[in-house]
Amino acid sequence: MKLILNDHIEHLGERGESVVVKPGYANNYLLPKGLAYPDTPGNRKRFEQEQTKWEEMDLNRQGAAQKLAAELDGTKLSFERRAGENDVLFGSVTAAEIGRELAERGFDIDRRRIMLESPIKALGNTDVVVHIHRGIDVTIPVRVVRPGEDPDAVAPEFVAEGVLETSAETDGTVTDEAIPVDVEAPETGPVAE
């Protein structure tokens, strides 16, 4: 079925483009939601008349998206989950759970806008991209820890890599200066053959 898109549709096209889609997709989704019109001369004229209205709406959406992106910038999420050996979770952290956590913090973001390729299934840090608007994405760090662990503590992977962030003093406070941790291999005796 040939349609004129009335709005930008991800993976389909921009507003004003003429596209061919399956009839079910057109009749069950695009046409009822007003996202497209059948491609006829009358609808083409109707589209041209509504062009300025849509351009204003798109500018408003883009402004709201930039404001939301600025508010989201710096947001960090943490989840407590039980895990077995090798830090593998019993269950997972999904885009829906990330969306609920963002909603609790006052951000109204559709879970389909959270670009998570697969659910998080291990302890540690993961960067999750939130697609707010065309060309406006925000990366949110998500940390999964065991129940009772401090999500703001120094991550074990930094200690394992041989870099621990500490101050020059011995009080153990964390600073921005990274000091390499020297790890010496234990001496071994003669090898028995």
Protein backbone atom coordinates (compact mmCIF):
# COMPACT_ATOMS: atom_id res chain seq x y z
CA MET A 1 0.00 0.00 0.00
CA LYS A 2 1.42 3.41 -0.98
CA LEU A 3 1.28 6.10 1.73
CA ILE A 4 2.50 9.62 2.45
CA LEU A 5 4.19 9.78 5.86
CA ASN A 6 2.73 12.44 8.11
CA ASP A 7 5.56 12.25 10.67
CA HIS A 8 9.08 10.84 11.01
CA ILE A 9 8.87 7.09 11.57
CA GLU A 10 12.01 5.28 12.68
CA HIS A 11 13.34 2.84 10.08
CA LEU A 12 10.64 3.85 7.58
CA GLY A 13 11.15 7.44 6.49
CA GLU A 14 10.84 11.17 7.01
CA ARG A 15 7.70 13.27 6.97
CA GLY A 16 6.42 13.86 3.43
CA GLU A 17 8.03 10.78 1.91
CA SER A 18 5.97 8.42 -0.17
CA VAL A 19 6.51 4.84 1.01
CA VAL A 20 5.12 1.40 0.23
CA VAL A 21 4.13 -0.71 3.26
CA LYS A 22 2.14 -3.85 3.90
CA PRO A 23 -1.63 -3.28 4.17
CA GLY A 24 -1.80 -4.62 7.73
CA TYR A 25 0.85 -2.19 8.97
CA ALA A 26 -0.94 0.67 7.20
CA ASN A 27 -4.49 -0.20 8.31
CA ASN A 28 -3.69 -1.25 11.88
CA TYR A 29 -1.01 1.25 12.86
CA LEU A 30 -0.10 4.09 10.51
CA LEU A 31 -3.55 5.24 9.33
CA PRO A 32 -5.44 5.02 12.69
CA LYS A 33 -2.70 6.98 14.49
CA GLY A 34 -2.61 9.65 11.78
CA LEU A 35 1.02 8.91 10.96
CA ALA A 36 0.31 8.52 7.23
CA TYR A 37 -2.27 9.18 4.50
CA PRO A 38 -3.02 7.16 1.38
CA ASP A 39 -0.93 8.59 -1.46
CA THR A 40 -3.56 10.39 -3.56
CA PRO A 41 -3.49 13.84 -5.23
CA GLY A 42 -6.04 15.17 -2.69
CA ASN A 43 -4.02 13.94 0.29
CA ARG A 44 -0.82 15.32 -1.24
CA LYS A 45 -2.48 18.78 -1.34
CA ARG A 46 -3.75 18.32 2.25
CA PHE A 47 -0.21 17.44 3.34
CA GLU A 48 1.23 20.60 1.78
CA GLN A 49 -1.34 22.74 3.60
CA GLU A 50 -0.45 21.20 6.96
CA GLN A 51 3.31 21.51 6.38
CA THR A 52 3.83 24.71 8.44
CA LYS A 53 1.83 23.34 11.38
CA TRP A 54 3.98 20.21 11.46
CA GLU A 55 7.22 22.18 11.20
CA GLU A 56 6.22 24.23 14.28
CA MET A 57 5.28 21.06 16.17
CA ASP A 58 8.63 19.46 15.27
CA LEU A 59 10.52 22.52 16.56
CA ASN A 60 8.55 22.35 19.83
CA ARG A 61 9.28 18.63 20.17
CA GLN A 62 12.96 19.20 19.50
CA GLY A 63 13.12 21.97 22.12
CA ALA A 64 11.38 19.76 24.69
CA ALA A 65 13.74 16.89 23.83
CA GLN A 66 16.81 19.09 24.32
CA LYS A 67 15.47 20.23 27.69
CA LEU A 68 14.83 16.61 28.74
CA ALA A 69 18.32 15.61 27.54
CA ALA A 70 19.86 18.36 29.69
CA GLU A 71 17.87 17.15 32.73
CA LEU A 72 18.83 13.50 32.09
CA ASP A 73 22.51 14.31 31.65
CA GLY A 74 24.36 13.20 34.77
CA THR A 75 21.66 10.75 35.88
CA LYS A 76 23.04 7.47 37.19
CA LEU A 77 20.97 4.38 37.92
CA SER A 78 21.78 1.44 40.17
CA PHE A 79 19.97 -1.83 40.68
CA GLU A 80 20.43 -4.46 43.38
CA ARG A 81 20.24 -8.03 42.12
CA ARG A 82 21.26 -11.41 43.46
CA ALA A 83 24.05 -13.05 41.50
CA GLY A 84 25.75 -16.40 41.41
CA GLU A 85 29.28 -17.38 40.53
CA ASN A 86 31.14 -15.29 37.96
CA ASP A 87 28.80 -12.36 38.78
CA VAL A 88 25.97 -13.73 36.60
CA LEU A 89 22.57 -12.42 37.72
CA PHE A 90 19.62 -14.54 38.76
CA GLY A 91 17.32 -12.83 36.29
CA SER A 92 18.21 -9.61 34.48
CA VAL A 93 17.72 -5.85 34.30
CA THR A 94 15.46 -4.95 31.35
CA ALA A 95 14.60 -1.77 29.48
CA ALA A 96 11.19 -1.79 31.20
CA GLU A 97 12.86 -1.74 34.65
CA ILE A 98 15.16 1.08 33.59
CA GLY A 99 12.09 2.96 32.31
CA ARG A 100 10.28 2.44 35.65
CA GLU A 101 13.31 3.72 37.57
CA LEU A 102 13.47 6.80 35.35
CA ALA A 103 9.71 7.32 35.85
CA GLU A 104 10.20 7.22 39.64
CA ARG A 105 12.75 9.99 39.22
CA GLY A 106 10.24 12.09 37.26
CA PHE A 107 11.30 11.34 33.66
CA ASP A 108 8.50 10.23 31.35
CA ILE A 109 10.35 8.07 28.80
CA ASP A 110 8.82 5.28 26.77
CA ARG A 111 10.72 2.02 27.35
CA ARG A 112 11.01 1.57 23.58
CA ARG A 113 13.27 4.63 23.53
CA ILE A 114 15.75 2.86 25.83
CA MET A 115 18.25 1.29 23.45
CA LEU A 116 19.25 -1.87 25.29
CA GLU A 117 20.35 -4.57 22.85
CA SER A 118 19.75 -7.32 25.38
CA PRO A 119 18.86 -7.36 29.08
CA ILE A 120 21.73 -6.81 31.51
CA LYS A 121 22.66 -10.22 32.94
CA ALA A 122 25.84 -9.52 34.92
CA LEU A 123 27.01 -7.39 37.82
CA GLY A 124 28.93 -4.27 36.90
CA ASN A 125 28.57 -1.10 34.87
CA THR A 126 26.73 -0.71 31.57
CA ASP A 127 26.14 2.41 29.50
CA VAL A 128 22.55 2.59 28.25
CA VAL A 129 21.54 4.95 25.44
CA VAL A 130 18.18 6.71 25.67
CA HIS A 131 16.93 7.94 22.28
CA ILE A 132 14.89 11.05 23.07
CA HIS A 133 14.40 12.57 19.62
CA ARG A 134 16.00 12.39 16.20
CA GLY A 135 19.66 13.13 16.76
CA ILE A 136 19.24 13.60 20.53
CA ASP A 137 20.55 10.68 22.57
CA VAL A 138 21.67 10.55 26.21
CA THR A 139 23.94 7.88 27.68
CA ILE A 140 23.02 6.83 31.21
CA PRO A 141 25.42 4.74 33.31
CA VAL A 142 23.64 1.78 34.92
CA ARG A 143 25.32 -0.15 37.74
CA VAL A 144 24.14 -3.53 38.97
CA VAL A 145 25.35 -4.57 42.43
CA ARG A 146 24.63 -7.33 44.93
CA PRO A 147 22.02 -6.56 47.62
CA GLY A 148 23.57 -4.54 50.42
CA GLU A 149 26.55 -3.34 48.38
CA ASP A 150 27.18 0.39 48.02
CA PRO A 151 26.55 1.35 44.37
CA ASP A 152 28.96 4.30 44.74
CA ALA A 153 31.88 2.21 46.07
CA VAL A 154 35.01 1.71 43.99
CA ALA A 155 34.23 -0.96 41.43
CA PRO A 156 36.23 -4.21 41.81
CA GLU A 157 37.18 -4.12 38.11
CA PHE A 158 39.34 -1.02 38.79
CA VAL A 159 41.26 -2.89 41.50
CA ALA A 160 41.65 -5.94 39.24
CA GLU A 161 43.13 -3.77 36.45
CA GLY A 162 45.82 -2.50 38.83
CA VAL A 163 44.54 1.08 39.12
CA LEU A 164 42.98 2.29 42.34
CA GLU A 165 41.95 5.90 42.84
CA THR A 166 43.22 7.09 46.23
CA SER A 167 44.64 10.26 47.66
CA ALA A 168 48.30 10.75 48.49
CA GLU A 169 47.35 10.63 52.16
CA THR A 170 46.66 7.33 53.87
CA ASP A 171 43.11 8.13 54.96
CA GLY A 172 41.63 6.21 51.99
CA THR A 173 39.59 9.05 50.51
CA VAL A 174 38.96 8.91 46.78
CA THR A 175 40.40 11.65 44.56
CA ASP A 176 40.63 12.34 40.85
CA GLU A 177 44.27 11.24 40.74
CA ALA A 178 44.86 7.62 39.70
CA ILE A 179 47.81 5.88 41.35
CA PRO A 180 48.97 2.59 39.82
CA VAL A 181 48.99 -0.32 42.24
CA ASP A 182 52.17 -2.39 42.01
CA VAL A 183 51.44 -6.08 42.04
CA GLU A 184 54.47 -8.33 42.42
CA ALA A 185 54.40 -12.00 41.55
CA PRO A 186 55.30 -14.27 44.48
CA GLU A 187 58.70 -15.87 44.30
CA THR A 188 58.68 -19.53 43.59
CA GLY A 189 61.21 -22.15 44.53
CA PRO A 190 62.95 -24.57 42.20
CA VAL A 191 60.71 -26.49 39.88
CA ALA A 192 60.55 -30.22 40.62
CA GLU A 193 60.88 -32.40 37.57
